[in-house]
């Protein structure tokens, strides 16, 4: 009888382990799906990168060309040689950060200016 009890107990333990492993696998699959969906959403939300001369400032708010919604994205200014001068990130039409790039040559003149648009960022 003891052998039968041990065998039954082992089967019950195996069934419990199987159920635990199935739940763990389902949780991992769900986590992977969440990661995949987050990446897909991030890809869909990628913000545009435009040239600064495509941005219009109206009453202190930036707009892309003739759009009615405030600009969200990055506007780039360039040196005469085509290398990047400055990139500014915009959210809801407001400049929130700016990065200046090193020129290819120190004597290059800028084609466009961004400083007045972003309030000196």
Protein backbone atom coordinates (compact mmCIF):
# COMPACT_ATOMS: atom_id res chain seq x y z
CA UNK A 1 0.00 0.00 0.00
CA UNK A 2 2.85 2.35 0.79
CA UNK A 3 4.19 1.93 -2.75
CA UNK A 4 0.80 2.81 -4.24
CA UNK A 5 0.50 5.87 -1.98
CA UNK A 6 3.98 7.05 -3.01
CA UNK A 7 3.18 6.49 -6.68
CA UNK A 8 -0.09 8.41 -6.38
CA UNK A 9 1.66 11.20 -4.52
CA UNK A 10 4.31 11.37 -7.26
CA UNK A 11 1.65 11.60 -9.98
CA UNK A 12 -0.11 14.40 -8.10
CA UNK A 13 3.22 16.23 -7.72
CA UNK A 14 3.91 15.78 -11.43
CA UNK A 15 0.47 17.16 -12.35
CA UNK A 16 1.01 20.16 -10.08
CA UNK A 17 4.46 20.74 -11.63
CA UNK A 18 2.98 20.50 -15.12
CA UNK A 19 0.33 23.08 -14.26
CA UNK A 20 2.94 25.39 -12.68
CA UNK A 21 5.16 25.12 -15.76
CA UNK A 22 2.23 25.77 -18.10
CA UNK A 23 1.36 28.92 -16.16
CA UNK A 24 4.98 30.06 -16.24
CA UNK A 25 5.15 29.48 -19.99
CA UNK A 26 1.93 31.43 -20.52
CA UNK A 27 3.26 34.30 -18.38
CA UNK A 28 6.48 34.40 -20.41
CA UNK A 29 4.55 34.34 -23.68
CA UNK A 30 2.37 37.20 -22.44
CA UNK A 31 5.48 39.16 -21.44
CA UNK A 32 7.02 38.60 -24.88
CA UNK A 33 3.79 39.78 -26.50
CA UNK A 34 3.81 42.93 -24.36
CA UNK A 35 7.40 43.64 -25.42
CA UNK A 36 6.53 43.08 -29.07
CA UNK A 37 3.47 45.32 -28.88
CA UNK A 38 5.43 48.07 -27.11
CA UNK A 39 8.05 47.97 -29.87
CA UNK A 40 5.36 48.07 -32.55
CA UNK A 41 3.75 51.07 -30.84
CA UNK A 42 7.12 52.83 -30.56
CA UNK A 43 7.74 52.21 -34.26
CA UNK A 44 4.34 53.67 -35.13
CA UNK A 45 4.98 56.71 -32.93
CA UNK A 46 8.37 57.52 -34.39
CA UNK A 47 8.58 61.22 -34.71
CA UNK A 48 9.50 62.88 -37.96
CA UNK A 49 12.85 64.51 -38.61
CA UNK A 50 12.48 67.61 -40.78
CA UNK A 51 14.55 70.60 -41.85
CA UNK A 52 14.04 73.67 -39.69
CA UNK A 53 12.89 75.73 -42.67
CA UNK A 54 9.78 73.49 -42.81
CA UNK A 55 8.72 74.69 -39.34
CA UNK A 56 6.54 77.77 -38.86
CA UNK A 57 6.22 79.56 -35.54
CA UNK A 58 2.74 80.97 -34.90
CA UNK A 59 2.08 82.73 -31.59
CA UNK A 60 5.06 80.98 -30.00
CA UNK A 61 4.05 77.49 -31.17
CA UNK A 62 5.83 75.51 -33.90
CA UNK A 63 3.89 73.89 -36.74
CA UNK A 64 5.09 71.70 -39.59
CA UNK A 65 4.32 73.49 -42.86
CA UNK A 66 0.58 74.23 -42.93
CA UNK A 67 -0.53 71.61 -40.39
CA UNK A 68 -3.01 72.61 -37.72
CA UNK A 69 -1.57 70.44 -34.92
CA UNK A 70 1.55 71.65 -33.05
CA UNK A 71 4.75 70.00 -34.28
CA UNK A 72 6.11 66.91 -32.56
CA UNK A 73 9.47 65.72 -33.82
CA UNK A 74 12.99 66.92 -34.53
CA UNK A 75 13.99 69.87 -36.69
CA UNK A 76 17.54 69.98 -38.05
CA UNK A 77 19.55 73.02 -39.17
CA UNK A 78 22.49 72.57 -41.53
CA UNK A 79 25.82 74.19 -42.42
CA UNK A 80 26.45 75.28 -46.01
CA UNK A 81 28.35 72.06 -46.67
CA UNK A 82 25.26 70.04 -45.74
CA UNK A 83 26.53 68.80 -42.39
CA UNK A 84 24.23 69.12 -39.38
CA UNK A 85 24.48 72.28 -37.29
CA UNK A 86 21.78 71.80 -34.66
CA UNK A 87 18.90 69.47 -33.92
CA UNK A 88 15.98 70.53 -31.76
CA UNK A 89 13.32 68.24 -30.34
CA UNK A 90 9.80 69.65 -30.27
CA UNK A 91 6.79 68.47 -28.25
CA UNK A 92 3.39 70.05 -28.74
CA UNK A 93 5.00 72.88 -30.68
CA UNK A 94 7.53 73.78 -27.96
CA UNK A 95 11.29 73.27 -28.15
CA UNK A 96 12.24 70.93 -25.30
CA UNK A 97 15.88 70.15 -26.09
CA UNK A 98 18.59 71.07 -28.53
CA UNK A 99 21.89 69.54 -29.59
CA UNK A 100 24.62 71.32 -31.50
CA UNK A 101 26.76 69.26 -33.85
CA UNK A 102 30.44 69.94 -34.49
CA UNK A 103 31.10 71.46 -37.92
CA UNK A 104 33.13 69.61 -40.51
CA UNK A 105 35.27 72.74 -40.92
CA UNK A 106 35.45 75.65 -38.47
CA UNK A 107 34.93 78.37 -41.10
CA UNK A 108 31.62 77.06 -42.44
CA UNK A 109 28.65 79.44 -42.38
CA UNK A 110 25.22 78.26 -41.28
CA UNK A 111 22.47 78.05 -43.88
CA UNK A 112 19.68 78.36 -41.36
CA UNK A 113 19.40 79.50 -37.81
CA UNK A 114 17.40 77.92 -35.02
CA UNK A 115 18.39 79.99 -32.00
CA UNK A 116 15.54 82.58 -32.29
CA UNK A 117 12.99 79.77 -32.66
CA UNK A 118 13.93 77.85 -29.55
CA UNK A 119 14.51 80.75 -27.20
CA UNK A 120 18.23 80.18 -26.87
CA UNK A 121 18.17 76.48 -25.96
